[in-house]
Each structure stands twice: as C-alpha cells, then as structure tokens.
C-alpha cells in the first residue's frame, strides 16, 4: 500500500523577494503568518528540514494545504505587514504579538503651563514629547530618574498659579523641584529648565550621558560624595538600559531619519524614510537620470513640517514605533543614517542625502556619526 503523499508548495512559484507568507488549511483558513527576506527559501525551510522544526510548526505544516505570499519590497515593510496581519487574523499557530503590548514611555507634557516628566503607557498626539517605547518598565524608570535628577521639574498634578497656589511643598525645601508655584521669578526659571531639557533631548543619548558625567564630576569636585555616588549609579544604570539603542533617548518627534542601504552596484541605493519614528516610505535608486528628481519628491513629501504621520496615535502606532526602532537598531552596522532636523528645508535634506550617497562608499559607518551632536 503506497504511503499518502505529504503536501508541499510549488517553490518555483514563490518569489525570492522579501515579504509575508500565509499558510492555509484545506478550507482556506489561515494557520500561520510569517515574514521573510527571501520568501522561497523561508517557505522551503518548513519542508526540507522537518525534523529540526519545533513541534508546533511541524503540526502546522502537516495541516497546511496552501501558501499565499505578499511581496513587500523590503524587510521593514515585511515586519510591519506581518505584525498587522497577525493581529487582524489571529492565526492559531502564531502565539506572539497577537495583542498589542502597553509599552512604557517617558513623557514630557507640553499642554500644561509648567510641563512635567512622567511615566505613561498611553501614546497620544497631544504635542508632548515621548521617549520610548521601552521594552521593560525598569528601563523607562531609569530614564525618568536620570532626567529628573538633571532637571528639577515638578511631579505634582495640581494646577499652578505662581505665588498663589499651591503652597511650596517638601520638594522645594530639598531643592528637588524648581517650584514655579513660589512666584514669577521661579516660574521664569522653571521654563528655562524646560527649554534646557528640550535642547538636551534633541541631541540624543550621548549628550544626556555626557551631561550626567559632568554633573558627577562637579559633585566630586565639590566633595559631595554621596551625590556623586548616586549619579554614578544612575549613569551606569542608564548606560545598561539604553546600550545598543541610540534612539532610546531621542524623542519620537525628533526621529526623522533617512536610511541608506547599499546594493551590489556602487551607484544603487535603497532609501528608507523614517518620519517621527514611523515608516515614511521607501524607494530604490538605480543610478538613473531621474533618481535625483524621484528622491527630491519622496523627501519633500515625507518631511514637510505638517506631514500626516505627525498626528497618528494609538496601539498600532506604538507597535510600529517598536518595530521600526528594532529594525533601525539592527541596521546600525549595515546602513548609513542621515538625521533630519526640523530647521532643514527640503533643499537642505536633499543636499545632505545626496552628499551622503556620493561620499560614504562602504555603508558600514556608525550611526553615532549621523545623529545630532551637542553643540
């Protein structure tokens, strides 16, 4: 008696391109969703080395009777599409990422007359500055503690009327709050602290680390050894919490980055646009005569001052921030980043990007050379 044939897809029909694949059963129901840089090779792996697959995936492959694919053109787009489809379809063999995780952010409020630093799990388009999302609550707490140590912003939620209400609390007595409630002079000083914090955040992780080192040295020089020890502990914890994650201390609204990825031909580039930490578009440049025009159009559309990405909020946006951030971290050694500031015109952006493409040669330069620097 012949053994029943095991179903396998026709691999020659699958593209060798990035994308998302969906395994389906005999009724067409989705069993599993995955992403791949090479769809043909990834799908083949489920059938060429069955014994090496986890039990769950072997069971899934045994029930599969069809596979459909969606080409995306890039790994990042495949990651984003996979996440959206898993949450939309909730396949039985996908156990991860079915629900949106309420990840923590450190938030600097901007809608209040006297902004506060606080921890939140809600990401809103309210004009505030958000650092994150952080993978763990502990990391967010360390960042919050470090910034509160550098800038004595209030923690109370009471509406402030300088010189009237509320009365100064213990935080004012122990110099842990700039206390705008005391009077107009203190209120003006408070706003200076906020502006200094914004300027520091705009320069990113290394500037914040350097500021902590300077504060630690000042404390040691003044023989305030307990304060110096505390700052050293905080500095070490902050370094550990954000190591390898250069965007962790850059506000989401400042994460405007053009990512240049090398292709085999010297004049070819894949350009990925990141606006407010979210995917803003992609184009492939092949060295053709219209490349500059296409690049200029894409950059102008993405980085206009009032682009549509700026108003997005909610769980799906937090998930995209997480995915894009993780992808950027992985691309640090394979890509060149061009950091875009709000002061640049579209012409400035085009000049920066074209110069980077013409001069970088090997695209393995470190990201820290392109991130904002302390002036």
Foldseek 3Di string as FASTA:
>chain_A
DDDDDQDADPLVVAFQAWWKKFFAAPVRATADIDTDRGVSVVSVVCPPCVVPDPPLSNVSSRRGHDMDIDHDRDNLRRVLVRLVVCCVRVHPSDPPNVDFDLFKKWKFDDVALQTDTDIGSFWALRPIWIFDRAPDPLLRVLVSVLLLVVFLGDDDPDRADACPDDPDDVCVVVVSHLPSNPHVVSSVVSVVSVVVSVLQLLQFDVSSLVSLVVVLVVCVVVVVPVVNVVSVVSSVSNCVRCPLQRRRSHTLQQQWKWKWFDDPDLLKTKIWTAHSLATQDIDIDDNDPCRLVVVLVSLCQRLPPDHPVSRDTDSSVNVRSVSSSVVCSVCQQRIEMAGDGNPDDSVRVSVSVVCCSVPVRRGRDGHSVRGHHDD
